[in-house]
C-alpha atoms as a PDB file:
ATOM      1  CA  MET A   1       0.000   0.000   0.000  1.00  0.00           C
ATOM      2  CA  THR A   2       1.307   3.481  -0.911  1.00  0.00           C
ATOM      3  CA  PHE A   3       0.670   6.503   1.259  1.00  0.00           C
ATOM      4  CA  ALA A   4       0.681  10.101   0.031  1.00  0.00           C
ATOM      5  CA  PRO A   5       3.188  12.264   1.880  1.00  0.00           C
ATOM      6  CA  ASN A   6       1.836  14.722   4.429  1.00  0.00           C
ATOM      7  CA  LEU A   7       2.807  17.998   2.736  1.00  0.00           C
ATOM      8  CA  ILE A   8       1.877  21.241   4.500  1.00  0.00           C
ATOM      9  CA  THR A   9       3.349  24.672   5.025  1.00  0.00           C
ATOM     10  CA  LEU A  10       5.306  25.350   8.194  1.00  0.00           C
ATOM     11  CA  ASP A  11       2.706  27.784   9.552  1.00  0.00           C
ATOM     12  CA  ALA A  12       0.210  24.876   9.765  1.00  0.00           C
ATOM     13  CA  LEU A  13       2.516  22.551  11.744  1.00  0.00           C
ATOM     14  CA  ALA A  14       1.260  21.690  15.232  1.00  0.00           C
ATOM     15  CA  VAL A  15       3.267  22.580  18.332  1.00  0.00           C
ATOM     16  CA  GLY A  16       5.623  19.712  19.164  1.00  0.00           C
ATOM     17  CA  ALA A  17       5.422  18.234  15.650  1.00  0.00           C
ATOM     18  CA  SER A  18       8.427  17.692  13.379  1.00  0.00           C
ATOM     19  CA  GLY A  19       8.994  17.533   9.669  1.00  0.00           C
ATOM     20  CA  THR A  20      11.461  17.928   6.835  1.00  0.00           C
ATOM     21  CA  VAL A  21      11.724  20.996   4.611  1.00  0.00           C
ATOM     22  CA  THR A  22      10.781  20.139   1.014  1.00  0.00           C
ATOM     23  CA  LYS A  23      10.976  23.619  -0.567  1.00  0.00           C
ATOM     24  CA  VAL A  24      10.947  27.357   0.056  1.00  0.00           C
ATOM     25  CA  ALA A  25       8.760  29.522  -2.195  1.00  0.00           C
ATOM     26  CA  GLN A  26      11.059  31.515  -4.470  1.00  0.00           C
ATOM     27  CA  GLY A  27       8.929  34.382  -5.803  1.00  0.00           C
ATOM     28  CA  THR A  28      10.251  36.372  -8.741  1.00  0.00           C
ATOM     29  CA  PRO A  29      13.619  38.157  -8.840  1.00  0.00           C
ATOM     30  CA  GLY A  30      13.429  41.547  -7.175  1.00  0.00           C
ATOM     31  CA  ASP A  31      10.195  41.047  -5.241  1.00  0.00           C
ATOM     32  CA  ASP A  32       9.870  40.854  -1.460  1.00  0.00           C
ATOM     33  CA  VAL A  33       9.193  37.098  -1.493  1.00  0.00           C
ATOM     34  CA  ALA A  34      12.431  36.382  -3.354  1.00  0.00           C
ATOM     35  CA  GLY A  35      14.487  38.317  -0.807  1.00  0.00           C
ATOM     36  CA  LEU A  36      12.702  36.718   2.125  1.00  0.00           C
ATOM     37  CA  ALA A  37      13.068  33.230   0.624  1.00  0.00           C
ATOM     38  CA  ARG A  38      16.793  33.787   0.172  1.00  0.00           C
ATOM     39  CA  ARG A  39      17.099  34.925   3.800  1.00  0.00           C
ATOM     40  CA  LEU A  40      15.165  31.885   5.082  1.00  0.00           C
ATOM     41  CA  MET A  41      17.484  29.592   3.150  1.00  0.00           C
ATOM     42  CA  GLU A  42      20.519  31.407   4.577  1.00  0.00           C
ATOM     43  CA  LEU A  43      19.139  30.699   8.059  1.00  0.00           C
ATOM     44  CA  GLY A  44      19.005  26.966   7.305  1.00  0.00           C
ATOM     45  CA  PHE A  45      15.498  26.361   5.957  1.00  0.00           C
ATOM     46  CA  VAL A  46      16.752  24.270   3.036  1.00  0.00           C
ATOM     47  CA  PRO A  47      15.274  21.124   1.462  1.00  0.00           C
ATOM     48  CA  GLY A  48      16.087  18.035   3.513  1.00  0.00           C
ATOM     49  CA  GLU A  49      16.597  19.917   6.799  1.00  0.00           C
ATOM     50  CA  LYS A  50      14.712  18.612   9.851  1.00  0.00           C
ATOM     51  CA  ILE A  51      12.590  21.160  11.720  1.00  0.00           C
ATOM     52  CA  ARG A  52      10.408  21.164  14.840  1.00  0.00           C
ATOM     53  CA  MET A  53       7.647  23.546  15.946  1.00  0.00           C
ATOM     54  CA  LEU A  54       8.510  24.497  19.521  1.00  0.00           C
ATOM     55  CA  LYS A  55       5.884  27.092  20.427  1.00  0.00           C
ATOM     56  CA  ARG A  56       3.386  29.647  19.182  1.00  0.00           C
ATOM     57  CA  GLY A  57       3.222  33.096  20.755  1.00  0.00           C
ATOM     58  CA  MET A  58       0.104  34.500  22.340  1.00  0.00           C
ATOM     59  CA  PRO A  59      -2.175  36.177  21.384  1.00  0.00           C
ATOM     60  CA  GLY A  60      -2.746  35.333  17.733  1.00  0.00           C
ATOM     61  CA  GLY A  61      -0.177  32.558  17.464  1.00  0.00           C
ATOM     62  CA  GLU A  62       2.770  34.776  16.513  1.00  0.00           C
ATOM     63  CA  PRO A  63       5.697  34.529  16.497  1.00  0.00           C
ATOM     64  CA  LEU A  64       6.394  30.863  15.853  1.00  0.00           C
ATOM     65  CA  ALA A  65       9.434  29.343  17.593  1.00  0.00           C
ATOM     66  CA  ILE A  66      11.048  26.891  15.169  1.00  0.00           C
ATOM     67  CA  LYS A  67      14.053  24.630  15.775  1.00  0.00           C
ATOM     68  CA  VAL A  68      16.253  24.058  12.715  1.00  0.00           C
ATOM     69  CA  GLY A  69      19.277  21.897  13.346  1.00  0.00           C
ATOM     70  CA  SER A  70      20.760  23.203  16.604  1.00  0.00           C
ATOM     71  CA  SER A  71      19.350  26.737  16.156  1.00  0.00           C
ATOM     72  CA  THR A  72      16.022  28.245  17.198  1.00  0.00           C
ATOM     73  CA  PHE A  73      14.318  31.008  15.205  1.00  0.00           C
ATOM     74  CA  ALA A  74      11.210  33.124  15.645  1.00  0.00           C
ATOM     75  CA  LEU A  75       9.219  33.472  12.427  1.00  0.00           C
ATOM     76  CA  ARG A  76       6.085  35.375  11.575  1.00  0.00           C
ATOM     77  CA  ARG A  77       3.254  33.289  10.150  1.00  0.00           C
ATOM     78  CA  PHE A  78       3.562  34.756   6.655  1.00  0.00           C
ATOM     79  CA  GLU A  79       7.274  33.838   6.650  1.00  0.00           C
ATOM     80  CA  ALA A  80       6.533  30.281   7.774  1.00  0.00           C
ATOM     81  CA  ALA A  81       3.878  29.992   5.045  1.00  0.00           C
ATOM     82  CA  LEU A  82       6.666  30.182   2.441  1.00  0.00           C
ATOM     83  CA  ILE A  83       8.226  26.951   3.727  1.00  0.00           C
ATOM     84  CA  SER A  84       6.739  23.626   2.576  1.00  0.00           C
ATOM     85  CA  ILE A  85       7.384  20.603   4.762  1.00  0.00           C
ATOM     86  CA  GLN A  86       6.673  16.910   4.893  1.00  0.00           C
ATOM     87  CA  THR A  87       5.435  15.968   8.324  1.00  0.00           C
ATOM     88  CA  GLU A  88       6.795  12.936  10.139  1.00  0.00           C
ATOM     89  CA  ALA A  89       4.490   9.970  10.666  1.00  0.00           C
ATOM     90  CA  ASN A  90       3.482   9.364  14.255  1.00  0.00           C
END
């Protein structure tokens, strides 16, 4: 039996859940998304990297505390929405 991978964006990941980065939205050269995507990749959000959702801020669920490798980052939800991940099976 074949199972479809659980692909979601990082902003939808539950607290305590883990996954693997599959891609970062690139945008078009010169736009804000392209610059932000490049910065996220410089921070370590690259395909194949393991990540974990540590915590969501209150109120409104921002910022998101994300562990990437041995580093922890705070991202806004719209930044996390640019990162596609495959969730780990429980």
